[in-house]
Structure formats: structure tokens, C-alpha cells
Amino acid sequence: MYSIKSRNVLIEGKLSPACIIIENGKISEIKDYSEEGEDFGELVIMPGIVDTHVHINDPGRADWEGFETATKSAAAGGITTLVDMPLNSSPVTTTKENFQAKLNAAKGNLFVDCGFYGGAVHDNIDELRELCGSGVLGIKSFMINSGLDEFRWVDENDLRKILSILKDFDLPLLMHAEVMGEEILNELVTFSEFLTARPRSMEDKAIQLLIKLCREYNTHIHIVHLSSSNSIEPIRKAKAEGLKLTVETCPHYLYFSAEEIPQEDARFKCTPPIREKENNEKLWQALEDGTIDMIASDHSPCTHDLKAKKFSEAWGGIASLQVSLPAVWTKAKQRGIGIEKISEWMSGNTAKLVGLDKVKGKIEKGFDADLVIWNPNEKFTVAPDSLHHKNKISAYHDEELYGAVKTVFVRGEKVYDNGKFGDLPMGKMILKEN
């Protein structure tokens, strides 16, 4: 048995003094602060972040990111559970055999818990049932070029087949919601040109189709990395209908604005793009009113040379795993949003997306003792050498953020403590039981 306590423990949406009793990796009791335990004083004890959108790239592209570096970076950022996307590893996770290769790469290299998605592409629909039954927590697809030839986009006919299959497995379909537009340019030199080439209409058209299919098939569709505020009202109406539709946005759409981005700096290149300040303000409003359900990092790292290329050829993705919580909190704090909402968006609702809401995302008796202990009032500057993901490149370099993570527990094991990691990788693989 192990006990930890603080005057600021987030329980049932409120910060209050409490002592958490941990036994066999679970929260066994929550007692009064006066009980004996490791005392974290005024630091906040919060449910560990559940990041449901992470690209680890292992196997095959571990020089971009591997399981050890990604999960250490996650732990240092207060993330106790993450879910790995089916790309950009090689092979991509589109068959049961490829999924086994992913599991082999992860084994013995996890510092936090890790689940996995499978992928549905134009060419693997005949194998999708086998993949869905192999333990994946959801299926991811693109409606536009993913950037990888081996992960092809799907059309409406493909989506109909995919949704028919997923209906039998109670798995969400995670959609990159952009469709090809005539505005796509071949040579993009500046961020402004890139933004023009990926207008909101590309997202809006895709989301319109997904809402129609969600209504028709009554199957859970999850829209990843929403950046277009134009789609907020259609999404709001779809949810009011009772459709099985959930939506995430990402820290970079909430923290950065297009007006502030250096024109030729590919560190800020991602798809969909970071949009204008007025657009991103509406994303915040949609989070606050519940139209957008959650925030996930979309950590998409690569090697330095892929970001050093000219803008049109540079890899599109932002490495953000370790700074997601501080980045979101910094802007939320400015808006007067409380820590309880951050936990709801980044822990509770993300856990529910992947069916883990009975064991993760809350400080409650019987839940996993996944806990992040942090100082929401401490400011720090993001320096490359402070980042633990493999390639120390990020759009957040030199940003001043609030929210310093101090100590992290995964299932009762202290995996991160004031800059130091546990000696052994204590994370486990999370597989859906079918």
C-alpha cells in the first residue's frame, strides 16, 4: 500500500484536500488529507492525461520516433496513457500481421500505458474484420492523401463498407476529415500559401459527408484534429440529433494563430493547417460549450532534415507530446478556464473515446492509479534539450508556458519524478477484448 496527498486533488470536478491510497496499481480509497502519505503540498494531483492521437512511427521509422522516446516524453508531460496511430510506421498497421509487428516493437519499451489503432485504407477492407478483432481500440482512415503511399485514402463507397464492418465491433472510426480541393498548389513557399491551399471548405465538405454517414449507419465516427470553425454549427446540430459523433481538436490550433507564424518555418506545417485567430477563438468557444469533446496532441514527429526542406516538401506534423498539457493550460488560464475542464477534455473524454473510462481518466476508487502531479502556476521556457522525444524539434521552442509537471504515476508506479525516469519501462499494452 502507498499513499500520496495534496491540498489540491481533483476529485469529481473539484480541487480539494485529500489523500489517495494506492494498492496493486489501483486507487483503493480516497481519505482525508490528515492521513499519512507522501505530501505534495499545494501541487495539483490530477488524473493522468489520456492522449488518444499519437504517431510513434515504430517499427520501420524509429529514427523519427520510437516507443521508448515517445513514452518517456509522454510521461514528462503528464500523459499516462496514449494511443498510437496506424501510420507513420513501416509497415502501417492495416493487417493483423502488421499489428503484431507493432506490438513486437512496443514490447518492453513503454514508460506509460499504450493502446493502438488499426487503419482502414482502400486496399485492406477485405482484411478489416480480422484487424478489428485483434485488439485495436479504433480504426483510422483518411479522405485525402495521407502523405504515405502505403496508407491510401478512402472514398464514400469505401467508407460505407468500413462502417458496416465497424458496426459489429463497437469500434470508433477516426477520420482525417479533409477532401481534395481544387485549391491545392504544387509549390508552396510560405505558410500563407499553404493556408490558402488548405481552406476550411476542405474540412467542411468532408464533415458534411461524415455526418450523413453517421446518421445513416448509426456507427460512432470521431473527427480528429478539427481546425475549421465553419463546421462547428453542423457538428452541433448533428449532436443535438443524437448522432454518434465525437470531435477533437489539438493544442496547436488553440495555442498558435496563423497571423503569428513565421512564413517559411516548416515547424508549423501540419494538416489541417493552423488557422486565423478568429477561427481558433471559435474552437475554444466550442470546447467550452461541449460541441468539441476533447483535446489530443496529434504528436507527429520526424527527423530534422524533413522539417529543414522547403515548405512544399517538408513533412507536415507538429511534435507536441510533452508540452500538450502546459500549452493548453497556458491559454485556458488566460481565459479563466479551470483545471477541471482541462482534465475533462484531456483525460475523461479521451478515455471514453477508446473505452477506457471505467479504469482511466478519473481519481476514483477502483480506477488505475494514473496520476500527474504538477504546478499550474510555474512558468518555464521550452528548450530543445528539455524535450524527450527523439528529434528535438517543435513549434513550441522558446515558448513560455505555465504548468510544470513534477511527478507522474502509472498504475501506482512512479515513472517520472522531477526530471528523472524510472529505471524500468513499466507501461503496459492495452488491447481491446473481443
Protein backbone atom coordinates (compact mmCIF):
# COMPACT_ATOMS: atom_id res chain seq x y z
CA MET A 1 0.00 0.00 0.00
CA TYR A 2 1.20 3.52 -0.85
CA SER A 3 -0.37 6.89 -0.06
CA ILE A 4 0.01 10.33 -1.62
CA LYS A 5 -1.74 13.53 -0.70
CA SER A 6 -2.12 17.20 -1.57
CA ARG A 7 -4.28 20.16 -0.70
CA ASN A 8 -5.34 20.24 -4.37
CA VAL A 9 -6.59 16.85 -5.56
CA LEU A 10 -9.03 16.87 -8.50
CA ILE A 11 -11.97 14.71 -7.43
CA GLU A 12 -15.42 14.90 -9.05
CA GLY A 13 -14.54 18.13 -10.80
CA LYS A 14 -13.26 19.99 -7.75
CA LEU A 15 -9.85 20.63 -6.21
CA SER A 16 -9.86 19.70 -2.55
CA PRO A 17 -7.51 18.34 0.15
CA ALA A 18 -7.32 14.53 0.02
CA CYS A 19 -5.12 11.51 0.49
CA ILE A 20 -5.12 8.81 -2.20
CA ILE A 21 -4.49 5.23 -1.10
CA ILE A 22 -2.93 3.02 -3.79
CA GLU A 23 -2.92 -0.78 -3.72
CA ASN A 24 -1.95 -3.15 -6.53
CA GLY A 25 -1.87 -0.32 -9.06
CA LYS A 26 -5.41 0.83 -8.26
CA ILE A 27 -6.93 3.61 -6.18
CA SER A 28 -8.26 1.66 -3.21
CA GLU A 29 -9.53 4.57 -1.13
CA ILE A 30 -9.69 8.34 -1.01
CA LYS A 31 -9.28 9.66 2.53
CA ASP A 32 -8.91 12.92 4.37
CA TYR A 33 -5.76 14.96 3.89
CA SER A 34 -4.84 14.35 7.52
CA GLU A 35 -3.93 10.72 6.71
CA GLU A 36 -0.25 9.75 6.43
CA GLY A 37 1.23 9.81 2.91
CA GLU A 38 3.81 11.40 0.60
CA ASP A 39 2.80 15.03 0.81
CA PHE A 40 2.85 17.13 -2.37
CA GLY A 41 1.68 20.25 -0.55
CA GLU A 42 -0.12 22.72 -2.82
CA LEU A 43 0.72 20.91 -6.08
CA VAL A 44 -2.24 19.70 -8.12
CA ILE A 45 -2.86 15.95 -8.28
CA MET A 46 -4.93 15.23 -11.37
CA PRO A 47 -5.87 12.13 -13.39
CA GLY A 48 -3.11 11.33 -15.87
CA ILE A 49 -3.63 12.66 -19.39
CA VAL A 50 -5.04 10.14 -21.89
CA ASP A 51 -3.69 11.19 -25.30
CA THR A 52 -5.67 9.39 -28.00
CA HIS A 53 -3.80 10.72 -31.06
CA VAL A 54 -0.07 9.95 -31.19
CA HIS A 55 2.19 8.93 -34.10
CA ILE A 56 5.08 6.84 -32.78
CA ASN A 57 6.36 5.56 -36.18
CA ASP A 58 7.86 2.35 -34.78
CA PRO A 59 8.64 -0.13 -36.34
CA GLY A 60 10.31 0.98 -39.55
CA ARG A 61 10.71 4.70 -38.87
CA ALA A 62 12.08 4.62 -35.34
CA ASP A 63 14.58 7.29 -36.41
CA TRP A 64 11.51 9.59 -36.44
CA GLU A 65 10.18 8.35 -33.11
CA GLY A 66 10.33 5.12 -31.12
CA PHE A 67 8.24 3.71 -28.29
CA GLU A 68 10.85 4.40 -25.62
CA THR A 69 11.42 8.06 -26.50
CA ALA A 70 7.73 8.75 -27.16
CA THR A 71 6.55 7.25 -23.89
CA LYS A 72 9.28 8.99 -21.90
CA SER A 73 8.24 12.28 -23.48
CA ALA A 74 4.63 11.45 -22.64
CA ALA A 75 5.48 10.73 -19.00
CA ALA A 76 7.40 14.01 -18.72
CA GLY A 77 4.28 15.80 -19.98
CA GLY A 78 1.85 14.16 -17.56
CA ILE A 79 0.48 11.66 -20.10
CA THR A 80 -0.09 8.25 -18.52
CA THR A 81 -1.88 6.58 -21.45
CA LEU A 82 -1.51 7.16 -25.16
CA VAL A 83 -2.97 5.54 -28.26
CA ASP A 84 -0.71 5.01 -31.27
CA MET A 85 -1.90 5.78 -34.79
CA PRO A 86 -1.53 3.15 -37.57
CA LEU A 87 0.83 5.41 -39.53
CA ASN A 88 3.66 6.54 -39.94
CA SER A 89 5.32 3.26 -39.04
CA SER A 90 6.51 0.83 -41.68
CA PRO A 91 4.64 -1.39 -42.15
CA VAL A 92 1.48 0.58 -41.47
CA THR A 93 -0.99 -1.12 -39.15
CA THR A 94 -3.52 -2.27 -41.74
CA THR A 95 -3.37 -6.05 -41.25
CA LYS A 96 -3.29 -8.40 -38.27
CA GLU A 97 0.26 -9.38 -39.23
CA ASN A 98 1.39 -5.74 -39.31
CA PHE A 99 -0.33 -5.14 -35.98
CA GLN A 100 1.74 -7.93 -34.47
CA ALA A 101 4.88 -6.20 -35.77
CA LYS A 102 3.72 -3.05 -33.96
CA LEU A 103 3.19 -4.98 -30.72
CA ASN A 104 6.63 -6.57 -31.02
CA ALA A 105 8.20 -3.13 -31.38
CA ALA A 106 6.35 -1.82 -28.32
CA LYS A 107 7.08 -4.76 -26.04
CA GLY A 108 9.43 -3.83 -23.20
CA ASN A 109 9.77 -0.21 -24.36
CA LEU A 110 6.78 1.52 -22.75
CA PHE A 111 7.14 4.01 -19.90
CA VAL A 112 3.39 4.72 -19.96
CA ASP A 113 0.41 2.58 -20.99
CA CYS A 114 -0.23 2.34 -24.72
CA GLY A 115 -3.16 1.30 -26.88
CA PHE A 116 -3.22 1.05 -30.66
CA TYR A 117 -5.43 1.88 -33.63
CA GLY A 118 -5.70 -0.06 -36.85
CA GLY A 119 -6.04 1.56 -40.24
CA ALA A 120 -8.65 1.20 -42.98
CA VAL A 121 -7.40 2.00 -46.47
CA HIS A 122 -8.74 1.41 -49.96
CA ASP A 123 -6.87 -1.89 -50.26
CA ASN A 124 -7.44 -3.66 -46.92
CA ILE A 125 -11.21 -3.71 -46.47
CA ASP A 126 -11.35 -7.49 -47.05
CA GLU A 127 -8.93 -7.93 -44.10
CA LEU A 128 -10.58 -5.37 -41.84
CA ARG A 129 -12.67 -7.78 -39.78
CA GLU A 130 -9.59 -9.73 -38.75
CA LEU A 131 -7.80 -6.50 -37.80
CA CYS A 132 -10.81 -5.22 -35.82
CA GLY A 133 -10.84 -8.42 -33.79
CA SER A 134 -7.14 -8.35 -32.97
CA GLY A 135 -7.25 -5.86 -30.06
CA VAL A 136 -7.15 -2.42 -31.71
CA LEU A 137 -9.09 0.39 -29.96
CA GLY A 138 -10.39 2.01 -33.14
CA ILE A 139 -9.86 2.34 -36.90
CA LYS A 140 -8.32 5.38 -38.61
CA SER A 141 -8.88 6.49 -42.21
CA PHE A 142 -8.05 9.45 -44.44
CA MET A 143 -10.29 11.12 -47.01
CA ILE A 144 -7.26 12.75 -48.63
CA ASN A 145 -3.64 11.84 -49.34
CA SER A 146 -2.03 10.85 -46.03
CA GLY A 147 1.49 11.60 -47.23
CA LEU A 148 2.34 7.88 -47.35
CA ASP A 149 1.74 5.75 -50.44
CA GLU A 150 1.15 2.68 -48.25
CA PHE A 151 -1.75 4.36 -46.40
CA ARG A 152 -4.20 5.26 -49.17
CA TRP A 153 -7.24 7.45 -48.73
CA VAL A 154 -10.80 6.09 -48.89
CA ASP A 155 -13.86 7.32 -50.78
CA GLU A 156 -17.54 7.25 -49.87
CA ASN A 157 -18.04 3.70 -51.16
CA ASP A 158 -15.11 2.52 -49.05
CA LEU A 159 -16.48 4.32 -46.02
CA ARG A 160 -19.82 2.58 -46.37
CA LYS A 161 -18.11 -0.81 -46.33
CA ILE A 162 -15.91 0.18 -43.40
CA LEU A 163 -18.82 1.45 -41.30
CA SER A 164 -20.80 -1.74 -41.98
CA ILE A 165 -17.90 -3.73 -40.53
CA LEU A 166 -17.21 -1.48 -37.54
CA LYS A 167 -20.85 -1.68 -36.51
CA ASP A 168 -20.20 -5.32 -35.50
CA PHE A 169 -17.17 -4.49 -33.33
CA ASP A 170 -18.26 -1.40 -31.38
CA LEU A 171 -15.16 0.46 -32.53
CA PRO A 172 -14.96 4.17 -33.44
CA LEU A 173 -13.93 5.22 -36.93
CA LEU A 174 -11.41 8.04 -36.60
CA MET A 175 -11.46 10.28 -39.65
CA HIS A 176 -8.98 12.73 -41.06
CA ALA A 177 -11.74 14.96 -42.38
CA GLU A 178 -10.44 16.77 -45.44
CA VAL A 179 -11.37 16.18 -49.06
CA MET A 180 -9.27 17.17 -52.03
CA GLY A 181 -9.92 20.68 -53.26
CA GLU A 182 -9.05 22.48 -56.46
CA GLU A 183 -7.07 24.96 -54.39
CA ILE A 184 -4.17 22.54 -53.75
CA LEU A 185 -0.96 24.04 -55.10
CA ASN A 186 2.17 22.24 -56.27
CA GLU A 187 4.73 24.73 -54.98
CA LEU A 188 4.17 26.28 -51.58
CA VAL A 189 6.86 28.63 -50.38
CA THR A 190 5.19 30.33 -47.42
CA PHE A 191 2.78 29.45 -44.64
CA SER A 192 0.21 31.87 -46.09
CA GLU A 193 0.27 29.99 -49.40
CA PHE A 194 -0.13 26.71 -47.53
CA LEU A 195 -3.12 28.08 -45.61
CA THR A 196 -4.71 29.21 -48.88
CA ALA A 197 -4.10 25.74 -50.34
CA ARG A 198 -5.92 24.01 -47.43
CA PRO A 199 -9.07 26.16 -46.97
CA ARG A 200 -11.75 25.45 -44.40
CA SER A 201 -14.03 24.20 -47.18
CA MET A 202 -11.92 21.02 -47.50
CA GLU A 203 -12.80 20.12 -43.92
CA ASP A 204 -16.37 21.35 -44.13
CA LYS A 205 -17.21 19.17 -47.16
CA ALA A 206 -15.67 16.10 -45.56
CA ILE A 207 -17.52 16.65 -42.27
CA GLN A 208 -20.80 17.14 -44.11
CA LEU A 209 -20.38 13.67 -45.67
CA LEU A 210 -19.35 12.10 -42.37
CA ILE A 211 -22.41 13.49 -40.61
CA LYS A 212 -24.61 11.99 -43.33
CA LEU A 213 -22.94 8.59 -42.99
CA CYS A 214 -23.04 8.73 -39.19
CA ARG A 215 -26.80 9.28 -39.40
CA GLU A 216 -27.25 6.51 -41.95
CA TYR A 217 -25.16 3.81 -40.26
CA ASN A 218 -25.65 4.78 -36.59
CA THR A 219 -21.97 3.99 -36.03
CA HIS A 220 -19.52 6.03 -33.94
CA ILE A 221 -17.49 8.43 -36.09
CA HIS A 222 -14.78 10.51 -34.46
CA ILE A 223 -13.42 13.57 -36.28
CA VAL A 224 -9.75 14.04 -35.47
CA HIS A 225 -7.91 17.39 -35.32
CA LEU A 226 -10.79 19.74 -36.19
CA SER A 227 -9.41 23.08 -37.30
CA SER A 228 -12.27 24.67 -39.29
CA SER A 229 -14.66 26.69 -37.16
CA ASN A 230 -17.13 26.67 -40.07
CA SER A 231 -18.00 23.08 -39.20
CA ILE A 232 -18.87 23.78 -35.58
CA GLU A 233 -22.54 24.56 -36.21
CA PRO A 234 -23.21 21.45 -38.40
CA ILE A 235 -21.49 19.35 -35.72
CA ARG A 236 -23.59 20.98 -33.00
CA LYS A 237 -26.79 20.16 -34.89
CA ALA A 238 -25.67 16.58 -35.55
CA LYS A 239 -25.01 16.05 -31.86
CA ALA A 240 -28.38 17.56 -30.97
CA GLU A 241 -29.90 14.86 -33.20
CA GLY A 242 -28.22 12.26 -31.03
CA LEU A 243 -25.77 11.06 -33.67
CA LYS A 244 -22.79 9.00 -32.51
CA LEU A 245 -20.34 11.76 -33.41
CA THR A 246 -17.37 12.93 -31.35
CA VAL A 247 -14.80 15.59 -32.17
CA GLU A 248 -11.30 16.51 -31.07
CA THR A 249 -9.10 19.49 -31.66
CA CYS A 250 -5.39 19.84 -30.88
CA PRO A 251 -3.19 22.09 -28.74
CA HIS A 252 -1.58 23.79 -31.74
CA TYR A 253 -4.97 25.01 -33.05
CA LEU A 254 -5.70 26.52 -29.64
CA TYR A 255 -2.26 27.94 -28.88
CA PHE A 256 -0.99 29.34 -32.20
CA SER A 257 -2.66 31.60 -34.77
CA ALA A 258 -1.81 31.93 -38.46
CA GLU A 259 -1.12 35.65 -38.12
CA GLU A 260 1.85 34.94 -35.81
CA ILE A 261 3.56 32.12 -37.70
CA PRO A 262 6.90 32.76 -39.45
CA GLN A 263 6.27 32.43 -43.17
CA GLU A 264 8.94 29.88 -44.08
CA ASP A 265 9.14 27.93 -40.82
CA ALA A 266 8.01 24.36 -41.55
CA ARG A 267 7.90 23.50 -37.84
CA PHE A 268 4.37 24.93 -38.00
CA LYS A 269 3.29 22.89 -41.03
CA CYS A 270 0.52 20.42 -40.24
CA THR A 271 -2.72 19.26 -41.83
CA PRO A 272 -5.26 20.68 -41.49
CA PRO A 273 -3.35 23.92 -41.03
CA ILE A 274 -3.29 26.25 -38.06
CA ARG A 275 -5.85 28.91 -38.90
CA GLU A 276 -6.54 32.54 -38.08
CA LYS A 277 -7.06 33.91 -34.59
CA GLU A 278 -10.80 34.44 -35.03
CA ASN A 279 -11.20 30.83 -36.18
CA ASN A 280 -9.26 29.47 -33.23
CA GLU A 281 -11.25 31.62 -30.81
CA LYS A 282 -14.37 29.80 -32.04
CA LEU A 283 -12.69 26.45 -31.38
CA TRP A 284 -12.23 27.50 -27.76
CA GLN A 285 -15.86 28.50 -27.54
CA ALA A 286 -16.93 25.14 -28.98
CA LEU A 287 -14.84 23.34 -26.38
CA GLU A 288 -16.43 25.36 -23.61
CA ASP A 289 -19.99 24.64 -24.79
CA GLY A 290 -19.27 20.93 -25.35
CA THR A 291 -19.53 20.83 -29.15
CA ILE A 292 -15.87 19.78 -29.32
CA ASP A 293 -15.43 16.89 -26.90
CA MET A 294 -11.72 16.63 -26.33
CA ILE A 295 -8.13 17.67 -27.00
CA ALA A 296 -5.44 15.27 -28.25
CA SER A 297 -1.90 16.11 -29.28
CA ASP A 298 -1.59 14.67 -32.81
CA HIS A 299 2.12 14.33 -31.96
CA SER A 300 3.60 13.80 -35.42
CA PRO A 301 7.40 13.92 -35.22
CA CYS A 302 10.02 13.49 -37.92
CA THR A 303 13.74 13.92 -38.44
CA HIS A 304 15.34 17.37 -38.63
CA ASP A 305 16.09 17.07 -42.34
CA LEU A 306 12.38 16.53 -43.16
CA LYS A 307 11.50 19.82 -41.48
CA ALA A 308 14.50 21.64 -42.97
CA LYS A 309 13.26 21.16 -46.54
CA LYS A 310 11.48 23.95 -48.39
CA PHE A 311 7.93 24.40 -47.22
CA SER A 312 6.25 22.47 -50.05
CA GLU A 313 8.37 19.37 -49.40
CA ALA A 314 8.64 19.48 -45.60
CA TRP A 315 6.88 16.86 -43.51
CA GLY A 316 3.55 18.05 -42.13
CA GLY A 317 3.25 17.41 -38.42
CA ILE A 318 3.92 19.04 -35.06
CA ALA A 319 5.85 17.34 -32.27
CA SER A 320 3.99 18.29 -29.11
CA LEU A 321 3.60 15.29 -26.82
CA GLN A 322 5.48 16.63 -23.82
CA VAL A 323 4.04 20.14 -23.91
CA SER A 324 0.38 19.45 -24.69
CA LEU A 325 -0.84 19.94 -21.12
CA PRO A 326 1.16 23.15 -20.47
CA ALA A 327 0.25 24.62 -23.88
CA VAL A 328 -3.47 24.05 -23.39
CA TRP A 329 -3.34 25.18 -19.76
CA THR A 330 -1.45 28.38 -20.62
CA LYS A 331 -4.22 29.54 -22.96
CA ALA A 332 -7.02 28.17 -20.77
CA LYS A 333 -5.64 30.04 -17.76
CA GLN A 334 -5.79 33.28 -19.76
CA ARG A 335 -9.46 32.59 -20.48
CA GLY A 336 -10.33 31.81 -16.87
CA ILE A 337 -10.95 28.12 -17.59
CA GLY A 338 -10.39 25.82 -14.64
CA ILE A 339 -8.24 22.74 -14.27
CA GLU A 340 -11.36 20.56 -14.06
CA LYS A 341 -12.20 21.37 -17.71
CA ILE A 342 -8.65 20.56 -18.83
CA SER A 343 -8.98 17.16 -17.16
CA GLU A 344 -12.37 16.56 -18.75
CA TRP A 345 -11.05 17.39 -22.23
CA MET A 346 -7.69 15.64 -21.99
CA SER A 347 -8.37 12.72 -19.64
CA GLY A 348 -12.04 11.86 -19.05
CA ASN A 349 -13.46 12.30 -22.55
CA THR A 350 -10.42 10.84 -24.31
CA ALA A 351 -10.57 7.76 -22.07
CA LYS A 352 -14.24 7.36 -23.01
CA LEU A 353 -13.43 7.56 -26.74
CA VAL A 354 -11.38 4.36 -26.56
CA GLY A 355 -13.48 2.51 -23.99
CA LEU A 356 -11.17 3.09 -21.01
CA ASP A 357 -13.47 5.33 -18.97
CA LYS A 358 -14.15 2.64 -16.36
CA VAL A 359 -10.45 2.42 -15.43
CA LYS A 360 -8.74 5.65 -16.51
CA GLY A 361 -9.39 9.40 -16.60
CA LYS A 362 -10.68 9.89 -13.02
CA ILE A 363 -9.43 9.85 -9.46
CA GLU A 364 -11.96 7.41 -8.12
CA LYS A 365 -11.96 4.19 -6.11
CA GLY A 366 -11.23 1.20 -8.36
CA PHE A 367 -9.59 3.25 -11.13
CA ASP A 368 -5.97 2.83 -12.21
CA ALA A 369 -3.64 4.97 -10.09
CA ASP A 370 -2.61 7.06 -13.10
CA LEU A 371 -1.76 10.46 -11.65
CA VAL A 372 0.03 13.63 -12.73
CA ILE A 373 1.33 15.99 -10.06
CA TRP A 374 2.05 19.47 -11.39
CA ASN A 375 2.36 23.14 -10.58
CA PRO A 376 -0.13 25.12 -12.69
CA ASN A 377 1.44 28.43 -11.60
CA GLU A 378 5.06 27.66 -12.52
CA LYS A 379 6.27 29.13 -15.79
CA PHE A 380 9.02 27.62 -17.94
CA THR A 381 10.54 28.16 -21.38
CA VAL A 382 10.51 25.25 -23.83
CA ALA A 383 14.12 24.44 -24.72
CA PRO A 384 15.02 21.75 -27.27
CA ASP A 385 17.27 19.86 -24.86
CA SER A 386 14.40 19.61 -22.34
CA LEU A 387 12.30 17.57 -24.77
CA HIS A 388 12.48 13.80 -24.55
CA HIS A 389 11.02 12.81 -27.91
CA LYS A 390 13.65 11.55 -30.34
CA ASN A 391 14.14 14.58 -32.61
CA LYS A 392 14.25 17.76 -30.52
CA ILE A 393 12.31 19.89 -32.95
CA SER A 394 8.97 21.50 -32.15
CA ALA A 395 6.85 24.53 -32.94
CA TYR A 396 6.90 25.27 -29.20
CA HIS A 397 10.62 26.10 -28.98
CA ASP A 398 11.18 29.22 -26.83
CA GLU A 399 7.51 29.48 -25.86
CA GLU A 400 6.85 30.45 -22.23
CA LEU A 401 4.29 28.06 -20.79
CA TYR A 402 2.55 27.62 -17.46
CA GLY A 403 2.18 24.21 -15.86
CA ALA A 404 5.34 22.35 -14.82
CA VAL A 405 4.91 18.59 -14.46
CA LYS A 406 6.71 17.29 -11.37
CA THR A 407 5.81 13.64 -10.72
CA VAL A 408 3.83 11.02 -12.65
CA PHE A 409 2.42 7.68 -11.52
CA VAL A 410 1.25 4.94 -13.90
CA ARG A 411 -0.82 2.29 -12.13
CA GLY A 412 0.79 3.30 -8.86
CA GLU A 413 4.38 3.17 -10.15
CA LYS A 414 6.39 6.39 -10.11
CA VAL A 415 7.57 6.65 -13.73
CA TYR A 416 8.73 10.27 -13.70
CA ASP A 417 9.97 12.41 -10.83
CA ASN A 418 11.49 15.88 -11.17
CA GLY A 419 13.26 15.24 -14.45
CA LYS A 420 14.19 11.61 -13.82
CA PHE A 421 12.56 8.47 -15.19
CA GLY A 422 12.08 5.13 -13.51
CA ASP A 423 14.77 2.55 -14.23
CA LEU A 424 12.39 0.13 -15.95
CA PRO A 425 9.66 0.72 -18.54
CA MET A 426 6.52 -0.02 -16.50
CA GLY A 427 3.90 0.73 -19.15
CA LYS A 428 1.65 -1.98 -20.49
CA MET A 429 -0.01 -2.61 -23.84
CA ILE A 430 -3.77 -2.07 -23.83
CA LEU A 431 -5.74 -4.35 -26.15
CA LYS A 432 -9.49 -4.41 -26.64
CA GLU A 433 -11.10 -7.66 -25.61
CA ASN A 434 -13.40 -9.07 -28.28
